[in-house]
């Protein structure tokens, strides 16, 4: 899946559908975020708390 996304982004950049800045923001060398659930044992029915595990570059965090 990652290869297909990278190929699509490269094609869009080559055809000038997106500029270099947009390409760099969308293109990632890192793995996709992973998610998992932690069981809330104190709640009835044992619902899950969803946790998304990812590393966000500090340059993106500065925007917020």
PDB file of N, CA and C in Angstrom:
ATOM      1  N   UNK A   1       0.815  -1.189   0.000  1.00  0.00           N
ATOM      2  CA  UNK A   1       0.000   0.000   0.000  1.00  0.00           C
ATOM      3  C   UNK A   1       0.863   1.258   0.000  1.00  0.00           C
ATOM      4  N   UNK A   2       1.935   1.247   0.786  1.00  0.00           N
ATOM      5  CA  UNK A   2       2.795   2.423   0.853  1.00  0.00           C
ATOM      6  C   UNK A   2       3.458   2.686  -0.493  1.00  0.00           C
ATOM      7  N   UNK A   3       3.857   1.627  -1.180  1.00  0.00           N
ATOM      8  CA  UNK A   3       4.502   1.785  -2.488  1.00  0.00           C
ATOM      9  C   UNK A   3       3.543   2.427  -3.483  1.00  0.00           C
ATOM     10  N   UNK A   4       2.276   2.002  -3.450  1.00  0.00           N
ATOM     11  CA  UNK A   4       1.287   2.567  -4.369  1.00  0.00           C
ATOM     12  C   UNK A   4       1.054   4.056  -4.095  1.00  0.00           C
ATOM     13  N   UNK A   5       1.015   4.429  -2.824  1.00  0.00           N
ATOM     14  CA  UNK A   5       0.817   5.836  -2.468  1.00  0.00           C
ATOM     15  C   UNK A   5       2.009   6.665  -2.927  1.00  0.00           C
ATOM     16  N   UNK A   6       3.202   6.162  -2.703  1.00  0.00           N
ATOM     17  CA  UNK A   6       4.410   6.894  -3.132  1.00  0.00           C
ATOM     18  C   UNK A   6       4.457   7.032  -4.648  1.00  0.00           C
ATOM     19  N   UNK A   7       4.073   5.981  -5.360  1.00  0.00           N
ATOM     20  CA  UNK A   7       4.044   6.037  -6.824  1.00  0.00           C
ATOM     21  C   UNK A   7       3.026   7.061  -7.307  1.00  0.00           C
ATOM     22  N   UNK A   8       1.851   7.072  -6.693  1.00  0.00           N
ATOM     23  CA  UNK A   8       0.813   8.033  -7.051  1.00  0.00           C
ATOM     24  C   UNK A   8       1.284   9.463  -6.818  1.00  0.00           C
ATOM     25  N   UNK A   9       1.901   9.718  -5.673  1.00  0.00           N
ATOM     26  CA  UNK A   9       2.391  11.063  -5.370  1.00  0.00           C
ATOM     27  C   UNK A   9       3.480  11.496  -6.351  1.00  0.00           C
ATOM     28  N   UNK A  10       4.368  10.574  -6.699  1.00  0.00           N
ATOM     29  CA  UNK A  10       5.424  10.887  -7.665  1.00  0.00           C
ATOM     30  C   UNK A  10       4.827  11.216  -9.031  1.00  0.00           C
ATOM     31  N   UNK A  11       3.834  10.459  -9.460  1.00  0.00           N
ATOM     32  CA  UNK A  11       3.167  10.745 -10.733  1.00  0.00           C
ATOM     33  C   UNK A  11       2.483  12.102 -10.711  1.00  0.00           C
ATOM     34  N   UNK A  12       1.810  12.421  -9.613  1.00  0.00           N
ATOM     35  CA  UNK A  12       1.136  13.720  -9.499  1.00  0.00           C
ATOM     36  C   UNK A  12       2.142  14.863  -9.560  1.00  0.00           C
ATOM     37  N   UNK A  13       3.290  14.673  -8.896  1.00  0.00           N
ATOM     38  CA  UNK A  13       4.316  15.724  -8.915  1.00  0.00           C
ATOM     39  C   UNK A  13       4.889  15.883 -10.317  1.00  0.00           C
ATOM     40  N   UNK A  14       5.138  14.769 -10.999  1.00  0.00           N
ATOM     41  CA  UNK A  14       5.678  14.805 -12.356  1.00  0.00           C
ATOM     42  C   UNK A  14       4.709  15.497 -13.315  1.00  0.00           C
ATOM     43  N   UNK A  15       3.421  15.231 -13.159  1.00  0.00           N
ATOM     44  CA  UNK A  15       2.405  15.838 -14.027  1.00  0.00           C
ATOM     45  C   UNK A  15       1.980  17.232 -13.551  1.00  0.00           C
ATOM     46  N   UNK A  16       2.610  17.690 -12.468  1.00  0.00           N
ATOM     47  CA  UNK A  16       2.376  19.025 -11.902  1.00  0.00           C
ATOM     48  C   UNK A  16       0.955  19.221 -11.375  1.00  0.00           C
ATOM     49  N   UNK A  17       0.354  18.128 -10.893  1.00  0.00           N
ATOM     50  CA  UNK A  17      -0.935  18.233 -10.203  1.00  0.00           C
ATOM     51  C   UNK A  17      -0.729  18.812  -8.805  1.00  0.00           C
ATOM     52  N   UNK A  18       0.433  18.497  -8.217  1.00  0.00           N
ATOM     53  CA  UNK A  18       0.794  19.047  -6.911  1.00  0.00           C
ATOM     54  C   UNK A  18       2.190  19.652  -7.006  1.00  0.00           C
ATOM     55  N   UNK A  19       2.472  20.633  -6.161  1.00  0.00           N
ATOM     56  CA  UNK A  19       3.793  21.253  -6.171  1.00  0.00           C
ATOM     57  C   UNK A  19       4.741  20.514  -5.216  1.00  0.00           C
ATOM     58  N   UNK A  20       5.985  20.940  -5.189  1.00  0.00           N
ATOM     59  CA  UNK A  20       7.006  20.280  -4.380  1.00  0.00           C
ATOM     60  C   UNK A  20       6.679  20.340  -2.887  1.00  0.00           C
ATOM     61  N   UNK A  21       6.150  21.456  -2.430  1.00  0.00           N
ATOM     62  CA  UNK A  21       5.816  21.618  -1.015  1.00  0.00           C
ATOM     63  C   UNK A  21       4.726  20.628  -0.598  1.00  0.00           C
ATOM     64  N   UNK A  22       3.682  20.514  -1.391  1.00  0.00           N
ATOM     65  CA  UNK A  22       2.599  19.561  -1.099  1.00  0.00           C
ATOM     66  C   UNK A  22       3.115  18.138  -1.156  1.00  0.00           C
ATOM     67  N   UNK A  23       3.967  17.856  -2.121  1.00  0.00           N
ATOM     68  CA  UNK A  23       4.555  16.530  -2.257  1.00  0.00           C
ATOM     69  C   UNK A  23       5.322  16.139  -0.991  1.00  0.00           C
ATOM     70  N   UNK A  24       6.125  17.055  -0.480  1.00  0.00           N
ATOM     71  CA  UNK A  24       6.921  16.770   0.714  1.00  0.00           C
ATOM     72  C   UNK A  24       6.041  16.557   1.941  1.00  0.00           C
ATOM     73  N   UNK A  25       4.928  17.281   2.029  1.00  0.00           N
ATOM     74  CA  UNK A  25       4.028  17.108   3.167  1.00  0.00           C
ATOM     75  C   UNK A  25       3.301  15.771   3.123  1.00  0.00           C
ATOM     76  N   UNK A  26       2.966  15.304   1.920  1.00  0.00           N
ATOM     77  CA  UNK A  26       2.217  14.056   1.778  1.00  0.00           C
ATOM     78  C   UNK A  26       3.106  12.820   1.756  1.00  0.00           C
ATOM     79  N   UNK A  27       4.329  12.968   1.278  1.00  0.00           N
ATOM     80  CA  UNK A  27       5.245  11.839   1.156  1.00  0.00           C
ATOM     81  C   UNK A  27       5.893  11.566   2.503  1.00  0.00           C
ATOM     82  N   UNK A  28       5.888  10.327   2.922  1.00  0.00           N
ATOM     83  CA  UNK A  28       6.453   9.970   4.217  1.00  0.00           C
ATOM     84  C   UNK A  28       7.389   8.791   4.064  1.00  0.00           C
ATOM     85  N   UNK A  29       8.559   8.886   4.693  1.00  0.00           N
ATOM     86  CA  UNK A  29       9.508   7.771   4.715  1.00  0.00           C
ATOM     87  C   UNK A  29       9.256   6.861   5.909  1.00  0.00           C
ATOM     88  N   UNK A  30       8.370   7.283   6.803  1.00  0.00           N
ATOM     89  CA  UNK A  30       8.126   6.543   8.024  1.00  0.00           C
ATOM     90  C   UNK A  30       6.974   5.555   7.843  1.00  0.00           C
ATOM     91  N   UNK A  31       6.851   4.667   8.802  1.00  0.00           N
ATOM     92  CA  UNK A  31       5.758   3.705   8.792  1.00  0.00           C
ATOM     93  C   UNK A  31       4.432   4.400   9.078  1.00  0.00           C
ATOM     94  N   UNK A  32       3.361   3.772   8.656  1.00  0.00           N
ATOM     95  CA  UNK A  32       2.037   4.286   8.961  1.00  0.00           C
ATOM     96  C   UNK A  32       1.746   4.111  10.447  1.00  0.00           C
ATOM     97  N   UNK A  33       0.938   4.995  11.014  1.00  0.00           N
ATOM     98  CA  UNK A  33       0.587   4.837  12.431  1.00  0.00           C
ATOM     99  C   UNK A  33      -0.125   3.515  12.688  1.00  0.00           C
ATOM    100  N   UNK A  34       0.074   2.975  13.853  1.00  0.00           N
ATOM    101  CA  UNK A  34      -0.579   1.740  14.272  1.00  0.00           C
ATOM    102  C   UNK A  34      -1.601   2.076  15.345  1.00  0.00           C
ATOM    103  N   UNK A  35      -2.656   1.313  15.394  1.00  0.00           N
ATOM    104  CA  UNK A  35      -3.640   1.524  16.457  1.00  0.00           C
ATOM    105  C   UNK A  35      -3.922   0.203  17.162  1.00  0.00           C
ATOM    106  N   UNK A  36      -4.260   0.330  18.423  1.00  0.00           N
ATOM    107  CA  UNK A  36      -4.615  -0.837  19.220  1.00  0.00           C
ATOM    108  C   UNK A  36      -5.578  -0.393  20.303  1.00  0.00           C
ATOM    109  N   UNK A  37      -6.173  -1.332  20.984  1.00  0.00           N
ATOM    110  CA  UNK A  37      -7.145  -0.993  22.010  1.00  0.00           C
ATOM    111  C   UNK A  37      -6.741  -1.496  23.381  1.00  0.00           C
ATOM    112  N   UNK A  38      -6.995  -0.670  24.386  1.00  0.00           N
ATOM    113  CA  UNK A  38      -6.813  -1.076  25.771  1.00  0.00           C
ATOM    114  C   UNK A  38      -8.193  -1.287  26.381  1.00  0.00           C
ATOM    115  N   UNK A  39      -8.370  -2.402  27.044  1.00  0.00           N
ATOM    116  CA  UNK A  39      -9.675  -2.722  27.628  1.00  0.00           C
ATOM    117  C   UNK A  39      -9.885  -1.882  28.888  1.00  0.00           C
ATOM    118  N   UNK A  40     -11.059  -1.264  28.978  1.00  0.00           N
ATOM    119  CA  UNK A  40     -11.445  -0.533  30.192  1.00  0.00           C
ATOM    120  C   UNK A  40     -12.148  -1.527  31.116  1.00  0.00           C
ATOM    121  N   UNK A  41     -11.359  -2.141  32.010  1.00  0.00           N
ATOM    122  CA  UNK A  41     -11.901  -3.206  32.846  1.00  0.00           C
ATOM    123  C   UNK A  41     -12.881  -2.690  33.900  1.00  0.00           C
ATOM    124  N   UNK A  42     -12.855  -1.399  34.189  1.00  0.00           N
ATOM    125  CA  UNK A  42     -13.753  -0.837  35.183  1.00  0.00           C
ATOM    126  C   UNK A  42     -15.123  -0.475  34.619  1.00  0.00           C
ATOM    127  N   UNK A  43     -15.293  -0.585  33.295  1.00  0.00           N
ATOM    128  CA  UNK A  43     -16.570  -0.261  32.650  1.00  0.00           C
ATOM    129  C   UNK A  43     -17.326  -1.544  32.308  1.00  0.00           C
ATOM    130  N   UNK A  44     -18.630  -1.463  32.340  1.00  0.00           N
ATOM    131  CA  UNK A  44     -19.456  -2.613  32.004  1.00  0.00           C
ATOM    132  C   UNK A  44     -19.373  -2.887  30.502  1.00  0.00           C
ATOM    133  N   UNK A  45     -19.250  -4.138  30.150  1.00  0.00           N
ATOM    134  CA  UNK A  45     -19.145  -4.518  28.746  1.00  0.00           C
ATOM    135  C   UNK A  45     -17.715  -4.471  28.223  1.00  0.00           C
ATOM    136  N   UNK A  46     -16.773  -4.006  29.026  1.00  0.00           N
ATOM    137  CA  UNK A  46     -15.355  -3.940  28.679  1.00  0.00           C
ATOM    138  C   UNK A  46     -15.090  -3.253  27.333  1.00  0.00           C
ATOM    139  N   UNK A  47     -15.469  -1.973  27.209  1.00  0.00           N
ATOM    140  CA  UNK A  47     -15.182  -1.272  25.952  1.00  0.00           C
ATOM    141  C   UNK A  47     -13.677  -1.030  25.781  1.00  0.00           C
ATOM    142  N   UNK A  48     -13.282  -0.741  24.576  1.00  0.00           N
ATOM    143  CA  UNK A  48     -11.870  -0.486  24.278  1.00  0.00           C
ATOM    144  C   UNK A  48     -11.584   1.011  24.228  1.00  0.00           C
ATOM    145  N   UNK A  49     -10.414   1.378  24.703  1.00  0.00           N
ATOM    146  CA  UNK A  49      -9.889   2.730  24.494  1.00  0.00           C
ATOM    147  C   UNK A  49      -8.901   2.615  23.344  1.00  0.00           C
ATOM    148  N   UNK A  50      -9.165   3.321  22.262  1.00  0.00           N
ATOM    149  CA  UNK A  50      -8.319   3.247  21.066  1.00  0.00           C
ATOM    150  C   UNK A  50      -7.070   4.101  21.277  1.00  0.00           C
ATOM    151  N   UNK A  51      -5.907   3.515  21.016  1.00  0.00           N
ATOM    152  CA  UNK A  51      -4.623   4.192  21.103  1.00  0.00           C
ATOM    153  C   UNK A  51      -4.000   4.187  19.712  1.00  0.00           C
ATOM    154  N   UNK A  52      -3.578   5.362  19.227  1.00  0.00           N
ATOM    155  CA  UNK A  52      -2.898   5.467  17.936  1.00  0.00           C
ATOM    156  C   UNK A  52      -1.431   5.738  18.224  1.00  0.00           C
ATOM    157  N   UNK A  53      -0.586   4.838  17.782  1.00  0.00           N
ATOM    158  CA  UNK A  53       0.841   4.926  18.039  1.00  0.00           C
ATOM    159  C   UNK A  53       1.536   5.495  16.805  1.00  0.00           C
ATOM    160  N   UNK A  54       2.041   6.703  16.935  1.00  0.00           N
ATOM    161  CA  UNK A  54       2.769   7.308  15.823  1.00  0.00           C
ATOM    162  C   UNK A  54       3.718   8.368  16.371  1.00  0.00           C
ATOM    163  N   UNK A  55       4.688   8.715  15.585  1.00  0.00           N
ATOM    164  CA  UNK A  55       5.631   9.779  15.929  1.00  0.00           C
ATOM    165  C   UNK A  55       5.386  10.926  14.965  1.00  0.00           C
ATOM    166  N   UNK A  56       5.134  12.106  15.529  1.00  0.00           N
ATOM    167  CA  UNK A  56       4.865  13.285  14.717  1.00  0.00           C
ATOM    168  C   UNK A  56       6.115  14.154  14.718  1.00  0.00           C
ATOM    169  N   UNK A  57       6.642  14.509  13.533  1.00  0.00           N
ATOM    170  CA  UNK A  57       7.816  15.380  13.494  1.00  0.00           C
ATOM    171  C   UNK A  57       7.528  16.715  14.184  1.00  0.00           C
ATOM    172  N   UNK A  58       8.519  17.247  14.863  1.00  0.00           N
ATOM    173  CA  UNK A  58       8.342  18.488  15.616  1.00  0.00           C
ATOM    174  C   UNK A  58       7.985  19.666  14.710  1.00  0.00           C
ATOM    175  N   UNK A  59       8.397  19.630  13.448  1.00  0.00           N
ATOM    176  CA  UNK A  59       8.061  20.721  12.536  1.00  0.00           C
ATOM    177  C   UNK A  59       6.555  20.812  12.305  1.00  0.00           C
ATOM    178  N   UNK A  60       5.863  19.683  12.313  1.00  0.00           N
ATOM    179  CA  UNK A  60       4.413  19.679  12.140  1.00  0.00           C
ATOM    180  C   UNK A  60       3.739  20.150  13.421  1.00  0.00           C
ATOM    181  N   UNK A  61       4.300  19.745  14.573  1.00  0.00           N
ATOM    182  CA  UNK A  61       3.719  20.153  15.843  1.00  0.00           C
ATOM    183  C   UNK A  61       3.796  21.662  16.037  1.00  0.00           C
ATOM    184  N   UNK A  62       4.773  22.323  15.464  1.00  0.00           N
ATOM    185  CA  UNK A  62       4.918  23.766  15.609  1.00  0.00           C
ATOM    186  C   UNK A  62       3.743  24.512  14.976  1.00  0.00           C
ATOM    187  N   UNK A  63       3.062  23.887  14.040  1.00  0.00           N
ATOM    188  CA  UNK A  63       1.908  24.534  13.392  1.00  0.00           C
ATOM    189  C   UNK A  63       0.751  24.686  14.348  1.00  0.00           C
ATOM    190  N   UNK A  64       0.692  23.857  15.390  1.00  0.00           N
ATOM    191  CA  UNK A  64      -0.406  23.895  16.340  1.00  0.00           C
ATOM    192  C   UNK A  64       0.041  24.630  17.563  1.00  0.00           C
TER     193      UNK A  64
END
